[in-house]
Amino acid sequence: YSTMEKIPITFFLTDDAPVTISVLNDEGRPVWSMEHEGSKGFNQIRWDLITARVEGQEAYFWRDRTFIRAGTYTLQIAGEGVYLEGELTVVDR
């Protein structure tokens, strides 16, 4: 966690609209997604690169988190009247 960074995902909407933000693997399957109440204009969310969480009582919580693996993914933002898509590259540091 000492090197963890949240990445900004910034996008522009012409009107207020709920959207789903998804990261898809090379087979087109989602590895992460979230719902967002988008506002007209620029929007930004900050993602911690965690694709899964398991709630538990273990003291060392990092074992309960799964981070995205290095690779190339598709970033997709979709909603009623909204469809944005781009490439997301995750690298090991």
PDB file of N, CA and C in Angstrom:
ATOM      1  N   TYR A   1       0.811  -1.201   0.000  1.00  0.00           N
ATOM      2  CA  TYR A   1       0.000   0.000   0.000  1.00  0.00           C
ATOM      3  C   TYR A   1       0.852   1.261   0.000  1.00  0.00           C
ATOM      4  N   SER A   2       2.122   1.165   0.323  1.00  0.00           N
ATOM      5  CA  SER A   2       2.947   2.372   0.383  1.00  0.00           C
ATOM      6  C   SER A   2       3.179   2.978  -0.995  1.00  0.00           C
ATOM      7  N   THR A   3       3.037   2.211  -2.055  1.00  0.00           N
ATOM      8  CA  THR A   3       3.229   2.748  -3.403  1.00  0.00           C
ATOM      9  C   THR A   3       1.915   2.880  -4.168  1.00  0.00           C
ATOM     10  N   MET A   4       0.800   2.597  -3.500  1.00  0.00           N
ATOM     11  CA  MET A   4      -0.493   2.637  -4.174  1.00  0.00           C
ATOM     12  C   MET A   4      -0.859   4.069  -4.555  1.00  0.00           C
ATOM     13  N   GLU A   5      -1.322   4.219  -5.770  1.00  0.00           N
ATOM     14  CA  GLU A   5      -1.796   5.512  -6.249  1.00  0.00           C
ATOM     15  C   GLU A   5      -3.186   5.317  -6.831  1.00  0.00           C
ATOM     16  N   LYS A   6      -4.047   6.282  -6.604  1.00  0.00           N
ATOM     17  CA  LYS A   6      -5.339   6.264  -7.275  1.00  0.00           C
ATOM     18  C   LYS A   6      -5.155   6.954  -8.619  1.00  0.00           C
ATOM     19  N   ILE A   7      -5.748   6.377  -9.657  1.00  0.00           N
ATOM     20  CA  ILE A   7      -5.619   6.991 -10.969  1.00  0.00           C
ATOM     21  C   ILE A   7      -6.879   7.799 -11.272  1.00  0.00           C
ATOM     22  N   PRO A   8      -6.708   8.972 -11.863  1.00  0.00           N
ATOM     23  CA  PRO A   8      -7.875   9.770 -12.232  1.00  0.00           C
ATOM     24  C   PRO A   8      -8.454   9.288 -13.560  1.00  0.00           C
ATOM     25  N   ILE A   9      -9.757   9.190 -13.607  1.00  0.00           N
ATOM     26  CA  ILE A   9     -10.475   8.914 -14.850  1.00  0.00           C
ATOM     27  C   ILE A   9     -11.352  10.140 -15.083  1.00  0.00           C
ATOM     28  N   THR A  10     -11.016  10.901 -16.118  1.00  0.00           N
ATOM     29  CA  THR A  10     -11.698  12.160 -16.398  1.00  0.00           C
ATOM     30  C   THR A  10     -12.446  12.043 -17.720  1.00  0.00           C
ATOM     31  N   PHE A  11     -13.683  12.542 -17.735  1.00  0.00           N
ATOM     32  CA  PHE A  11     -14.481  12.503 -18.958  1.00  0.00           C
ATOM     33  C   PHE A  11     -15.459  13.669 -18.966  1.00  0.00           C
ATOM     34  N   PHE A  12     -15.969  13.990 -20.153  1.00  0.00           N
ATOM     35  CA  PHE A  12     -16.865  15.120 -20.352  1.00  0.00           C
ATOM     36  C   PHE A  12     -18.234  14.624 -20.796  1.00  0.00           C
ATOM     37  N   LEU A  13     -19.290  15.155 -20.182  1.00  0.00           N
ATOM     38  CA  LEU A  13     -20.662  14.824 -20.568  1.00  0.00           C
ATOM     39  C   LEU A  13     -21.378  16.086 -21.022  1.00  0.00           C
ATOM     40  N   THR A  14     -22.179  15.968 -22.064  1.00  0.00           N
ATOM     41  CA  THR A  14     -22.928  17.124 -22.566  1.00  0.00           C
ATOM     42  C   THR A  14     -24.182  17.388 -21.739  1.00  0.00           C
ATOM     43  N   ASP A  15     -24.636  16.417 -20.945  1.00  0.00           N
ATOM     44  CA  ASP A  15     -25.796  16.562 -20.062  1.00  0.00           C
ATOM     45  C   ASP A  15     -25.592  15.699 -18.820  1.00  0.00           C
ATOM     46  N   ASP A  16     -26.356  15.978 -17.778  1.00  0.00           N
ATOM     47  CA  ASP A  16     -26.365  15.098 -16.611  1.00  0.00           C
ATOM     48  C   ASP A  16     -26.823  13.709 -17.060  1.00  0.00           C
ATOM     49  N   ALA A  17     -26.129  12.665 -16.609  1.00  0.00           N
ATOM     50  CA  ALA A  17     -26.514  11.307 -16.992  1.00  0.00           C
ATOM     51  C   ALA A  17     -25.830  10.294 -16.080  1.00  0.00           C
ATOM     52  N   PRO A  18     -26.582   9.292 -15.612  1.00  0.00           N
ATOM     53  CA  PRO A  18     -25.921   8.202 -14.895  1.00  0.00           C
ATOM     54  C   PRO A  18     -25.128   7.359 -15.895  1.00  0.00           C
ATOM     55  N   VAL A  19     -23.924   6.988 -15.526  1.00  0.00           N
ATOM     56  CA  VAL A  19     -23.075   6.188 -16.406  1.00  0.00           C
ATOM     57  C   VAL A  19     -22.477   5.019 -15.635  1.00  0.00           C
ATOM     58  N   THR A  20     -22.068   4.016 -16.379  1.00  0.00           N
ATOM     59  CA  THR A  20     -21.310   2.904 -15.826  1.00  0.00           C
ATOM     60  C   THR A  20     -19.897   3.005 -16.378  1.00  0.00           C
ATOM     61  N   ILE A  21     -18.936   3.015 -15.486  1.00  0.00           N
ATOM     62  CA  ILE A  21     -17.526   3.075 -15.875  1.00  0.00           C
ATOM     63  C   ILE A  21     -16.976   1.666 -15.695  1.00  0.00           C
ATOM     64  N   SER A  22     -16.424   1.100 -16.772  1.00  0.00           N
ATOM     65  CA  SER A  22     -15.962  -0.292 -16.746  1.00  0.00           C
ATOM     66  C   SER A  22     -14.559  -0.416 -17.312  1.00  0.00           C
ATOM     67  N   VAL A  23     -13.819  -1.371 -16.769  1.00  0.00           N
ATOM     68  CA  VAL A  23     -12.523  -1.762 -17.322  1.00  0.00           C
ATOM     69  C   VAL A  23     -12.705  -3.193 -17.804  1.00  0.00           C
ATOM     70  N   LEU A  24     -12.459  -3.406 -19.113  1.00  0.00           N
ATOM     71  CA  LEU A  24     -12.686  -4.704 -19.737  1.00  0.00           C
ATOM     72  C   LEU A  24     -11.364  -5.367 -20.100  1.00  0.00           C
ATOM     73  N   ASN A  25     -11.289  -6.681 -19.934  1.00  0.00           N
ATOM     74  CA  ASN A  25     -10.074  -7.404 -20.328  1.00  0.00           C
ATOM     75  C   ASN A  25     -10.076  -7.617 -21.839  1.00  0.00           C
ATOM     76  N   ASP A  26      -9.058  -8.321 -22.339  1.00  0.00           N
ATOM     77  CA  ASP A  26      -8.930  -8.505 -23.790  1.00  0.00           C
ATOM     78  C   ASP A  26     -10.028  -9.400 -24.387  1.00  0.00           C
ATOM     79  N   GLU A  27     -10.799 -10.072 -23.532  1.00  0.00           N
ATOM     80  CA  GLU A  27     -11.940 -10.869 -23.996  1.00  0.00           C
ATOM     81  C   GLU A  27     -13.244 -10.073 -23.930  1.00  0.00           C
ATOM     82  N   GLY A  28     -13.155  -8.803 -23.502  1.00  0.00           N
ATOM     83  CA  GLY A  28     -14.344  -7.966 -23.404  1.00  0.00           C
ATOM     84  C   GLY A  28     -15.140  -8.165 -22.125  1.00  0.00           C
ATOM     85  N   ARG A  29     -14.565  -8.886 -21.177  1.00  0.00           N
ATOM     86  CA  ARG A  29     -15.243  -9.118 -19.900  1.00  0.00           C
ATOM     87  C   ARG A  29     -14.812  -8.060 -18.881  1.00  0.00           C
ATOM     88  N   PRO A  30     -15.755  -7.564 -18.078  1.00  0.00           N
ATOM     89  CA  PRO A  30     -15.397  -6.554 -17.086  1.00  0.00           C
ATOM     90  C   PRO A  30     -14.552  -7.136 -15.955  1.00  0.00           C
ATOM     91  N   VAL A  31     -13.470  -6.436 -15.608  1.00  0.00           N
ATOM     92  CA  VAL A  31     -12.672  -6.805 -14.442  1.00  0.00           C
ATOM     93  C   VAL A  31     -12.976  -5.851 -13.288  1.00  0.00           C
ATOM     94  N   TRP A  32     -13.603  -4.716 -13.606  1.00  0.00           N
ATOM     95  CA  TRP A  32     -14.022  -3.734 -12.597  1.00  0.00           C
ATOM     96  C   TRP A  32     -15.062  -2.829 -13.229  1.00  0.00           C
ATOM     97  N   SER A  33     -16.028  -2.392 -12.429  1.00  0.00           N
ATOM     98  CA  SER A  33     -16.986  -1.402 -12.907  1.00  0.00           C
ATOM     99  C   SER A  33     -17.603  -0.677 -11.724  1.00  0.00           C
ATOM    100  N   MET A  34     -18.156   0.496 -11.998  1.00  0.00           N
ATOM    101  CA  MET A  34     -18.851   1.263 -10.974  1.00  0.00           C
ATOM    102  C   MET A  34     -19.902   2.140 -11.626  1.00  0.00           C
ATOM    103  N   GLU A  35     -20.932   2.447 -10.874  1.00  0.00           N
ATOM    104  CA  GLU A  35     -21.970   3.371 -11.314  1.00  0.00           C
ATOM    105  C   GLU A  35     -21.566   4.773 -10.864  1.00  0.00           C
ATOM    106  N   HIS A  36     -21.883   5.774 -11.691  1.00  0.00           N
ATOM    107  CA  HIS A  36     -21.539   7.161 -11.353  1.00  0.00           C
ATOM    108  C   HIS A  36     -22.652   8.074 -11.843  1.00  0.00           C
ATOM    109  N   GLU A  37     -23.104   8.984 -10.991  1.00  0.00           N
ATOM    110  CA  GLU A  37     -24.096   9.990 -11.383  1.00  0.00           C
ATOM    111  C   GLU A  37     -23.349  11.131 -12.061  1.00  0.00           C
ATOM    112  N   GLY A  38     -23.218  11.063 -13.365  1.00  0.00           N
ATOM    113  CA  GLY A  38     -22.461  12.056 -14.109  1.00  0.00           C
ATOM    114  C   GLY A  38     -23.173  13.394 -14.188  1.00  0.00           C
ATOM    115  N   SER A  39     -22.397  14.450 -14.192  1.00  0.00           N
ATOM    116  CA  SER A  39     -22.913  15.808 -14.306  1.00  0.00           C
ATOM    117  C   SER A  39     -22.479  16.408 -15.629  1.00  0.00           C
ATOM    118  N   LYS A  40     -23.267  17.345 -16.128  1.00  0.00           N
ATOM    119  CA  LYS A  40     -22.902  18.046 -17.356  1.00  0.00           C
ATOM    120  C   LYS A  40     -21.544  18.716 -17.144  1.00  0.00           C
ATOM    121  N   GLY A  41     -20.653  18.535 -18.113  1.00  0.00           N
ATOM    122  CA  GLY A  41     -19.308  19.099 -18.015  1.00  0.00           C
ATOM    123  C   GLY A  41     -18.290  18.018 -17.699  1.00  0.00           C
ATOM    124  N   PHE A  42     -17.169  18.446 -17.129  1.00  0.00           N
ATOM    125  CA  PHE A  42     -16.100  17.504 -16.794  1.00  0.00           C
ATOM    126  C   PHE A  42     -16.438  16.748 -15.518  1.00  0.00           C
ATOM    127  N   ASN A  43     -16.153  15.459 -15.524  1.00  0.00           N
ATOM    128  CA  ASN A  43     -16.331  14.581 -14.374  1.00  0.00           C
ATOM    129  C   ASN A  43     -15.008  13.874 -14.125  1.00  0.00           C
ATOM    130  N   GLN A  44     -14.734  13.557 -12.861  1.00  0.00           N
ATOM    131  CA  GLN A  44     -13.528  12.794 -12.563  1.00  0.00           C
ATOM    132  C   GLN A  44     -13.801  11.876 -11.380  1.00  0.00           C
ATOM    133  N   ILE A  45     -13.383  10.634 -11.540  1.00  0.00           N
ATOM    134  CA  ILE A  45     -13.363   9.703 -10.413  1.00  0.00           C
ATOM    135  C   ILE A  45     -11.906   9.285 -10.221  1.00  0.00           C
ATOM    136  N   ARG A  46     -11.589   8.813  -9.034  1.00  0.00           N
ATOM    137  CA  ARG A  46     -10.238   8.335  -8.750  1.00  0.00           C
ATOM    138  C   ARG A  46     -10.355   6.882  -8.313  1.00  0.00           C
ATOM    139  N   TRP A  47      -9.730   5.993  -9.102  1.00  0.00           N
ATOM    140  CA  TRP A  47      -9.817   4.555  -8.884  1.00  0.00           C
ATOM    141  C   TRP A  47      -8.525   4.056  -8.238  1.00  0.00           C
ATOM    142  N   ASP A  48      -8.659   3.202  -7.223  1.00  0.00           N
ATOM    143  CA  ASP A  48      -7.513   2.666  -6.488  1.00  0.00           C
ATOM    144  C   ASP A  48      -6.911   1.407  -7.108  1.00  0.00           C
ATOM    145  N   LEU A  49      -7.365   1.027  -8.291  1.00  0.00           N
ATOM    146  CA  LEU A  49      -6.877  -0.150  -9.033  1.00  0.00           C
ATOM    147  C   LEU A  49      -7.226  -1.478  -8.365  1.00  0.00           C
ATOM    148  N   ILE A  50      -8.128  -1.454  -7.405  1.00  0.00           N
ATOM    149  CA  ILE A  50      -8.585  -2.684  -6.757  1.00  0.00           C
ATOM    150  C   ILE A  50      -9.775  -3.216  -7.539  1.00  0.00           C
ATOM    151  N   THR A  51      -9.684  -4.492  -7.931  1.00  0.00           N
ATOM    152  CA  THR A  51     -10.758  -5.103  -8.714  1.00  0.00           C
ATOM    153  C   THR A  51     -11.711  -5.927  -7.861  1.00  0.00           C
ATOM    154  N   ALA A  52     -11.293  -6.323  -6.659  1.00  0.00           N
ATOM    155  CA  ALA A  52     -12.161  -7.112  -5.775  1.00  0.00           C
ATOM    156  C   ALA A  52     -11.757  -6.878  -4.326  1.00  0.00           C
ATOM    157  N   ARG A  53     -12.764  -6.881  -3.462  1.00  0.00           N
ATOM    158  CA  ARG A  53     -12.560  -6.748  -2.018  1.00  0.00           C
ATOM    159  C   ARG A  53     -13.313  -7.882  -1.325  1.00  0.00           C
ATOM    160  N   VAL A  54     -12.685  -8.443  -0.306  1.00  0.00           N
ATOM    161  CA  VAL A  54     -13.341  -9.441   0.522  1.00  0.00           C
ATOM    162  C   VAL A  54     -13.375  -8.864   1.928  1.00  0.00           C
ATOM    163  N   GLU A  55     -14.581  -8.686   2.449  1.00  0.00           N
ATOM    164  CA  GLU A  55     -14.700  -8.147   3.801  1.00  0.00           C
ATOM    165  C   GLU A  55     -14.411  -9.262   4.794  1.00  0.00           C
ATOM    166  N   GLY A  56     -13.524  -8.972   5.726  1.00  0.00           N
ATOM    167  CA  GLY A  56     -13.157  -9.978   6.711  1.00  0.00           C
ATOM    168  C   GLY A  56     -12.657  -9.318   7.976  1.00  0.00           C
ATOM    169  N   GLN A  57     -12.329 -10.136   8.939  1.00  0.00           N
ATOM    170  CA  GLN A  57     -11.876  -9.655  10.242  1.00  0.00           C
ATOM    171  C   GLN A  57     -10.356  -9.736  10.390  1.00  0.00           C
ATOM    172  N   GLU A  58      -9.671 -10.124   9.335  1.00  0.00           N
ATOM    173  CA  GLU A  58      -8.222 -10.286   9.414  1.00  0.00           C
ATOM    174  C   GLU A  58      -7.543  -8.937   9.628  1.00  0.00           C
ATOM    175  N   ALA A  59      -6.531  -8.924  10.477  1.00  0.00           N
ATOM    176  CA  ALA A  59      -5.846  -7.681  10.821  1.00  0.00           C
ATOM    177  C   ALA A  59      -5.095  -7.086   9.630  1.00  0.00           C
ATOM    178  N   TYR A  60      -4.572  -7.925   8.757  1.00  0.00           N
ATOM    179  CA  TYR A  60      -3.790  -7.445   7.625  1.00  0.00           C
ATOM    180  C   TYR A  60      -4.688  -7.372   6.405  1.00  0.00           C
ATOM    181  N   PHE A  61      -5.365  -6.224   6.245  1.00  0.00           N
ATOM    182  CA  PHE A  61      -6.416  -6.057   5.251  1.00  0.00           C
ATOM    183  C   PHE A  61      -5.939  -6.140   3.812  1.00  0.00           C
ATOM    184  N   TRP A  62      -4.636  -5.977   3.546  1.00  0.00           N
ATOM    185  CA  TRP A  62      -4.162  -6.012   2.170  1.00  0.00           C
ATOM    186  C   TRP A  62      -4.398  -7.367   1.524  1.00  0.00           C
ATOM    187  N   ARG A  63      -4.513  -8.422   2.318  1.00  0.00           N
ATOM    188  CA  ARG A  63      -4.782  -9.749   1.748  1.00  0.00           C
ATOM    189  C   ARG A  63      -6.205  -9.851   1.223  1.00  0.00           C
ATOM    190  N   ASP A  64      -7.061  -8.936   1.638  1.00  0.00           N
ATOM    191  CA  ASP A  64      -8.462  -8.951   1.227  1.00  0.00           C
ATOM    192  C   ASP A  64      -8.702  -8.149  -0.039  1.00  0.00           C
ATOM    193  N   ARG A  65      -7.645  -7.662  -0.664  1.00  0.00           N
ATOM    194  CA  ARG A  65      -7.768  -6.823  -1.854  1.00  0.00           C
ATOM    195  C   ARG A  65      -7.087  -7.494  -3.032  1.00  0.00           C
ATOM    196  N   THR A  66      -7.725  -7.395  -4.212  1.00  0.00           N
ATOM    197  CA  THR A  66      -7.125  -7.890  -5.444  1.00  0.00           C
ATOM    198  C   THR A  66      -6.904  -6.700  -6.358  1.00  0.00           C
ATOM    199  N   PHE A  67      -5.663  -6.468  -6.739  1.00  0.00           N
ATOM    200  CA  PHE A  67      -5.327  -5.364  -7.633  1.00  0.00           C
ATOM    201  C   PHE A  67      -5.324  -5.834  -9.076  1.00  0.00           C
ATOM    202  N   ILE A  68      -5.588  -4.921  -9.983  1.00  0.00           N
ATOM    203  CA  ILE A  68      -5.559  -5.227 -11.405  1.00  0.00           C
ATOM    204  C   ILE A  68      -4.134  -5.626 -11.801  1.00  0.00           C
ATOM    205  N   ARG A  69      -4.019  -6.557 -12.698  1.00  0.00           N
ATOM    206  CA  ARG A  69      -2.702  -7.003 -13.176  1.00  0.00           C
ATOM    207  C   ARG A  69      -2.221  -6.090 -14.309  1.00  0.00           C
ATOM    208  N   ALA A  70      -0.918  -6.060 -14.503  1.00  0.00           N
ATOM    209  CA  ALA A  70      -0.355  -5.284 -15.604  1.00  0.00           C
ATOM    210  C   ALA A  70      -0.899  -5.809 -16.924  1.00  0.00           C
ATOM    211  N   GLY A  71      -1.156  -4.906 -17.854  1.00  0.00           N
ATOM    212  CA  GLY A  71      -1.675  -5.297 -19.156  1.00  0.00           C
ATOM    213  C   GLY A  71      -2.422  -4.154 -19.814  1.00  0.00           C
ATOM    214  N   THR A  72      -3.007  -4.452 -20.956  1.00  0.00           N
ATOM    215  CA  THR A  72      -3.779  -3.461 -21.700  1.00  0.00           C
ATOM    216  C   THR A  72      -5.253  -3.817 -21.590  1.00  0.00           C
ATOM    217  N   TYR A  73      -6.049  -2.824 -21.258  1.00  0.00           N
ATOM    218  CA  TYR A  73      -7.481  -3.001 -21.028  1.00  0.00           C
ATOM    219  C   TYR A  73      -8.248  -1.967 -21.835  1.00  0.00           C
ATOM    220  N   THR A  74      -9.565  -2.149 -21.912  1.00  0.00           N
ATOM    221  CA  THR A  74     -10.441  -1.164 -22.516  1.00  0.00           C
ATOM    222  C   THR A  74     -11.192  -0.455 -21.398  1.00  0.00           C
ATOM    223  N   LEU A  75     -11.136   0.872 -21.401  1.00  0.00           N
ATOM    224  CA  LEU A  75     -11.893   1.688 -20.463  1.00  0.00           C
ATOM    225  C   LEU A  75     -13.152   2.136 -21.181  1.00  0.00           C
ATOM    226  N   GLN A  76     -14.300   1.857 -20.586  1.00  0.00           N
ATOM    227  CA  GLN A  76     -15.573   2.146 -21.239  1.00  0.00           C
ATOM    228  C   GLN A  76     -16.467   2.930 -20.280  1.00  0.00           C
ATOM    229  N   ILE A  77     -17.070   4.000 -20.796  1.00  0.00           N
ATOM    230  CA  ILE A  77     -18.028   4.796 -20.037  1.00  0.00           C
ATOM    231  C   ILE A  77     -19.308   4.816 -20.854  1.00  0.00           C
ATOM    232  N   ALA A  78     -20.385   4.258 -20.282  1.00  0.00           N
ATOM    233  CA  ALA A  78     -21.619   4.100 -21.055  1.00  0.00           C
ATOM    234  C   ALA A  78     -22.839   4.448 -20.213  1.00  0.00           C
ATOM    235  N   GLY A  79     -23.826   4.991 -20.874  1.00  0.00           N
ATOM    236  CA  GLY A  79     -25.104   5.318 -20.252  1.00  0.00           C
ATOM    237  C   GLY A  79     -26.062   5.730 -21.352  1.00  0.00           C
ATOM    238  N   GLU A  80     -27.237   6.199 -20.974  1.00  0.00           N
ATOM    239  CA  GLU A  80     -28.210   6.614 -21.966  1.00  0.00           C
ATOM    240  C   GLU A  80     -27.675   7.805 -22.754  1.00  0.00           C
ATOM    241  N   GLY A  81     -27.457   7.610 -24.052  1.00  0.00           N
ATOM    242  CA  GLY A  81     -26.924   8.662 -24.907  1.00  0.00           C
ATOM    243  C   GLY A  81     -25.434   8.912 -24.733  1.00  0.00           C
ATOM    244  N   VAL A  82     -24.746   8.040 -23.987  1.00  0.00           N
ATOM    245  CA  VAL A  82     -23.310   8.217 -23.708  1.00  0.00           C
ATOM    246  C   VAL A  82     -22.580   6.922 -24.032  1.00  0.00           C
ATOM    247  N   TYR A  83     -21.526   7.011 -24.839  1.00  0.00           N
ATOM    248  CA  TYR A  83     -20.653   5.862 -25.050  1.00  0.00           C
ATOM    249  C   TYR A  83     -19.257   6.392 -25.349  1.00  0.00           C
ATOM    250  N   LEU A  84     -18.350   6.187 -24.404  1.00  0.00           N
ATOM    251  CA  LEU A  84     -16.953   6.594 -24.556  1.00  0.00           C
ATOM    252  C   LEU A  84     -16.089   5.363 -24.345  1.00  0.00           C
ATOM    253  N   GLU A  85     -15.011   5.248 -25.119  1.00  0.00           N
ATOM    254  CA  GLU A  85     -14.143   4.089 -25.002  1.00  0.00           C
ATOM    255  C   GLU A  85     -12.715   4.501 -25.287  1.00  0.00           C
ATOM    256  N   GLY A  86     -11.784   3.914 -24.548  1.00  0.00           N
ATOM    257  CA  GLY A  86     -10.372   4.194 -24.762  1.00  0.00           C
ATOM    258  C   GLY A  86      -9.529   3.062 -24.210  1.00  0.00           C
ATOM    259  N   GLU A  87      -8.245   3.159 -24.428  1.00  0.00           N
ATOM    260  CA  GLU A  87      -7.307   2.130 -23.977  1.00  0.00           C
ATOM    261  C   GLU A  87      -6.728   2.531 -22.626  1.00  0.00           C
ATOM    262  N   LEU A  88      -6.589   1.550 -21.746  1.00  0.00           N
ATOM    263  CA  LEU A  88      -5.971   1.744 -20.430  1.00  0.00           C
ATOM    264  C   LEU A  88      -4.819   0.763 -20.321  1.00  0.00           C
ATOM    265  N   THR A  89      -3.624   1.268 -20.079  1.00  0.00           N
ATOM    266  CA  THR A  89      -2.456   0.414 -19.919  1.00  0.00           C
ATOM    267  C   THR A  89      -1.998   0.463 -18.465  1.00  0.00           C
ATOM    268  N   VAL A  90      -1.865  -0.706 -17.853  1.00  0.00           N
ATOM    269  CA  VAL A  90      -1.407  -0.830 -16.479  1.00  0.00           C
ATOM    270  C   VAL A  90      -0.014  -1.441 -16.535  1.00  0.00           C
ATOM    271  N   VAL A  91       0.960  -0.788 -15.880  1.00  0.00           N
ATOM    272  CA  VAL A  91       2.327  -1.278 -15.882  1.00  0.00           C
ATOM    273  C   VAL A  91       2.779  -1.599 -14.454  1.00  0.00           C
ATOM    274  N   ASP A  92       3.692  -2.555 -14.343  1.00  0.00           N
ATOM    275  CA  ASP A  92       4.315  -2.860 -13.044  1.00  0.00           C
ATOM    276  C   ASP A  92       5.312  -1.769 -12.724  1.00  0.00           C
ATOM    277  N   ARG A  93       5.392  -1.439 -11.426  1.00  0.00           N
ATOM    278  CA  ARG A  93       6.390  -0.457 -11.008  1.00  0.00           C
ATOM    279  C   ARG A  93       7.282  -1.051  -9.975  1.00  0.00           C
TER     280      ARG A  93
END
